[in-house]
Structures are given as structure tokens and as C-alpha cells.
């Protein structure tokens, strides 16, 4: 009985930890955006990533996990969006709160050419479900924050990213 309960709780936690919804509408608003300086990322060699170095570019940050099915289902559309937007000044960062080793192992089987990172402070940012996406405009301001997956290569979502990329205020 204890084994069944433990398995049930693990499955429930996994299902509640991901949020899957295909969004083809304007972004929903999360009441409080973190300051960009609060987002603590390191690359897969543990070198801190200074988001300020991307000033003048749009930064798309997708927070995911190896165990999150909606996150993994969303990856091909992010890769296609990255390809569609290749001539724009947009940086795509795919960040996991898991270990560098787990992230590196998962990425080894992927054909994607993302900038991979480790998010060091997921709890401090108040991320409650995955995937979560942040988009920072060229002025360095976080202007989009959303929980849940999207088909990022759909025209409405490409236009969303392009519109953010033109924000210079």
C-alpha cells in the first residue's frame, strides 16, 4: 500500500509540475515580473551568464526540465522559431534548474543548436510550473513572462517575438 501511495504521489507531482497549454493568443500577464538582474544563469561549464551583455538584442529564455513532457514537446517549435528568426538580433537560451550533467546528457541526443544554461534560482523567481518563458526586449527589460507551452513557430508567436524585438523603450 505504501508503495502504491508513493508512486501515486510521484506521478501527481510530475503532472502538477508541468503546465501544458497551446497558446495562440496574446500573452497572459503574470502579475510580477522579476527584474532581469534577478535571473541567475550559468552556462554548462558553470560560468555565469551576464544578460546585460545582450543589451540591444532580444533574449528569449525558456525554462524547462528533462522530466517535463510539455517542455520536451515544445522544443522543436522553439528550434523552428529560432531558425525563422535567424536574421534577427534574438538570443535563444534554454535553461534548466537541473544539474549540468542532466542537462548535458539530455542535450546530447538533440539536434537543437540552443544556448543551454542552468537557472540557479528558480524558486526565487517564483516559477511555479514548467515550461516558463521570459522574453527581454533590446533595452534589457523583461516584457513577457508566461507559464505553459506554445507552438513558438506559429505566425502569431513569431510576430509576438518580432514585436518585442522592435521595442526600444
Protein backbone atom coordinates (compact mmCIF):
# COMPACT_ATOMS: atom_id res chain seq x y z
CA UNK A 1 0.00 0.00 0.00
CA UNK A 2 2.84 2.41 0.86
CA UNK A 3 4.49 1.65 -2.49
CA UNK A 4 1.28 2.43 -4.39
CA UNK A 5 0.84 5.66 -2.45
CA UNK A 6 4.44 6.70 -3.13
CA UNK A 7 4.07 6.00 -6.86
CA UNK A 8 0.77 7.89 -6.96
CA UNK A 9 2.30 10.93 -5.22
CA UNK A 10 5.31 10.91 -7.58
CA UNK A 11 3.04 10.81 -10.62
CA UNK A 12 0.83 13.53 -9.20
CA UNK A 13 3.83 15.76 -8.53
CA UNK A 14 5.07 15.23 -12.09
CA UNK A 15 1.72 16.11 -13.58
CA UNK A 16 1.27 19.18 -11.41
CA UNK A 17 4.81 20.38 -12.08
CA UNK A 18 4.24 20.86 -15.78
CA UNK A 19 1.72 23.09 -17.37
CA UNK A 20 0.71 22.33 -20.92
CA UNK A 21 -1.43 24.64 -22.92
CA UNK A 22 -1.12 25.55 -26.53
CA UNK A 23 -1.38 29.31 -26.64
CA UNK A 24 -2.23 31.04 -29.86
CA UNK A 25 -3.38 34.24 -28.27
CA UNK A 26 -1.84 37.40 -26.83
CA UNK A 27 0.38 36.76 -23.83
CA UNK A 28 -1.16 36.36 -20.44
CA UNK A 29 0.22 38.58 -17.78
CA UNK A 30 1.94 37.22 -14.73
CA UNK A 31 1.44 39.90 -12.07
CA UNK A 32 5.05 40.44 -11.06
CA UNK A 33 7.93 40.18 -13.48
CA UNK A 34 11.30 39.63 -11.87
CA UNK A 35 13.97 42.16 -12.64
CA UNK A 36 16.33 40.89 -15.32
CA UNK A 37 19.19 41.17 -12.81
CA UNK A 38 17.38 38.59 -10.64
CA UNK A 39 17.64 35.88 -13.33
CA UNK A 40 20.76 33.90 -12.39
CA UNK A 41 22.06 31.76 -15.25
CA UNK A 42 25.30 29.87 -15.74
CA UNK A 43 26.46 28.03 -18.84
CA UNK A 44 27.14 24.28 -18.83
CA UNK A 45 30.67 24.91 -17.59
CA UNK A 46 29.35 26.90 -14.57
CA UNK A 47 30.41 30.29 -15.99
CA UNK A 48 27.86 32.99 -15.07
CA UNK A 49 25.87 34.43 -17.97
CA UNK A 50 25.61 38.21 -17.80
CA UNK A 51 22.33 39.06 -19.53
CA UNK A 52 23.48 42.67 -19.73
CA UNK A 53 25.90 41.62 -22.50
CA UNK A 54 22.85 41.05 -24.69
CA UNK A 55 21.69 44.66 -24.40
CA UNK A 56 20.47 45.69 -27.85
CA UNK A 57 19.22 42.17 -28.59
CA UNK A 58 16.04 40.37 -27.69
CA UNK A 59 16.57 37.48 -25.27
CA UNK A 60 14.18 34.52 -25.29
CA UNK A 61 14.62 32.37 -22.17
CA UNK A 62 12.71 29.10 -21.91
CA UNK A 63 12.86 27.30 -18.56
CA UNK A 64 12.36 23.54 -18.88
CA UNK A 65 13.16 20.20 -17.24
CA UNK A 66 14.17 16.79 -18.57
CA UNK A 67 11.12 15.18 -16.92
CA UNK A 68 8.60 17.74 -18.24
CA UNK A 69 6.73 16.31 -21.24
CA UNK A 70 5.22 19.66 -22.40
CA UNK A 71 8.71 21.18 -22.21
CA UNK A 72 10.14 18.48 -24.45
CA UNK A 73 7.20 18.70 -26.86
CA UNK A 74 7.73 22.46 -27.14
CA UNK A 75 11.44 22.23 -28.07
CA UNK A 76 11.01 21.56 -31.82
CA UNK A 77 8.80 24.64 -32.20
CA UNK A 78 11.40 26.77 -30.36
CA UNK A 79 14.09 25.42 -32.70
CA UNK A 80 11.94 26.28 -35.74
CA UNK A 81 11.25 29.76 -34.34
CA UNK A 82 14.98 30.23 -33.83
CA UNK A 83 15.55 29.23 -37.46
CA UNK A 84 12.79 31.55 -38.73
CA UNK A 85 14.25 34.44 -36.72
CA UNK A 86 17.87 33.67 -37.51
CA UNK A 87 18.49 37.06 -39.17
CA UNK A 88 17.13 38.99 -36.19
CA UNK A 89 19.07 40.03 -33.10
CA UNK A 90 17.41 37.41 -30.92
CA UNK A 91 19.25 35.15 -28.50
CA UNK A 92 17.54 31.89 -27.53
CA UNK A 93 18.54 30.48 -24.14
CA UNK A 94 17.13 27.18 -22.93
CA UNK A 95 17.56 26.99 -19.15
CA UNK A 96 17.05 24.10 -16.75
CA UNK A 97 17.19 24.12 -12.96
CA UNK A 98 18.56 20.59 -13.09
CA UNK A 99 22.24 19.74 -12.84
CA UNK A 100 24.71 20.49 -15.58
CA UNK A 101 25.18 16.74 -16.04
CA UNK A 102 21.44 16.06 -16.52
CA UNK A 103 21.14 18.94 -18.96
CA UNK A 104 24.24 17.89 -20.87
CA UNK A 105 23.01 14.27 -21.14
CA UNK A 106 19.57 15.29 -22.43
CA UNK A 107 21.04 17.74 -24.91
CA UNK A 108 23.46 15.15 -26.30
CA UNK A 109 20.60 13.40 -28.13
CA UNK A 110 19.06 16.57 -29.53
CA UNK A 111 19.64 18.14 -32.93
CA UNK A 112 18.94 21.62 -31.50
CA UNK A 113 21.53 24.38 -31.52
CA UNK A 114 20.37 26.31 -28.48
CA UNK A 115 22.36 28.25 -25.93
CA UNK A 116 21.92 25.93 -22.95
CA UNK A 117 22.07 27.23 -19.40
CA UNK A 118 21.37 26.32 -15.81
CA UNK A 119 18.92 28.52 -13.92
CA UNK A 120 20.33 28.78 -10.42
CA UNK A 121 17.39 30.44 -8.68
CA UNK A 122 14.11 29.07 -10.00
CA UNK A 123 12.39 29.26 -6.61
CA UNK A 124 13.48 32.85 -6.02
CA UNK A 125 11.90 33.83 -9.34
CA UNK A 126 8.62 32.29 -8.26
CA UNK A 127 8.44 29.84 -11.16
CA UNK A 128 5.59 27.52 -10.22
CA UNK A 129 5.27 25.37 -13.34
CA UNK A 130 7.17 24.43 -16.48
CA UNK A 131 7.76 25.38 -19.15
CA UNK A 132 8.05 29.06 -18.32
CA UNK A 133 9.21 31.58 -20.90
CA UNK A 134 10.68 35.05 -20.42
CA UNK A 135 11.39 37.50 -23.22
CA UNK A 136 13.62 40.50 -22.62
CA UNK A 137 13.44 43.43 -25.05
CA UNK A 138 16.52 45.12 -26.58
CA UNK A 139 16.55 47.72 -23.79
CA UNK A 140 17.09 44.95 -21.26
CA UNK A 141 13.57 45.00 -19.80
CA UNK A 142 11.61 41.82 -19.14
CA UNK A 143 8.39 42.40 -21.08
CA UNK A 144 6.95 38.89 -21.44
CA UNK A 145 6.55 36.14 -18.88
CA UNK A 146 4.33 33.13 -19.30
CA UNK A 147 3.77 29.69 -17.85
CA UNK A 148 2.89 26.90 -20.28
CA UNK A 149 3.89 25.74 -23.71
CA UNK A 150 3.25 27.28 -27.10
CA UNK A 151 3.92 26.42 -30.69
CA UNK A 152 6.57 29.13 -30.96
CA UNK A 153 6.91 28.80 -34.73
CA UNK A 154 3.27 29.69 -35.43
CA UNK A 155 2.87 33.08 -37.16
CA UNK A 156 1.18 34.77 -34.19
CA UNK A 157 4.02 33.74 -31.88
CA UNK A 158 6.71 34.71 -34.38
CA UNK A 159 5.00 38.12 -34.60
CA UNK A 160 4.94 38.35 -30.81
CA UNK A 161 8.72 37.84 -30.69
CA UNK A 162 9.31 40.24 -33.61
CA UNK A 163 7.18 42.93 -31.93
CA UNK A 164 9.18 42.60 -28.73
CA UNK A 165 12.39 42.78 -30.78
CA UNK A 166 11.33 46.20 -32.05
CA UNK A 167 10.68 47.60 -28.55
CA UNK A 168 13.30 50.18 -27.75
CA UNK A 169 11.67 51.83 -24.77
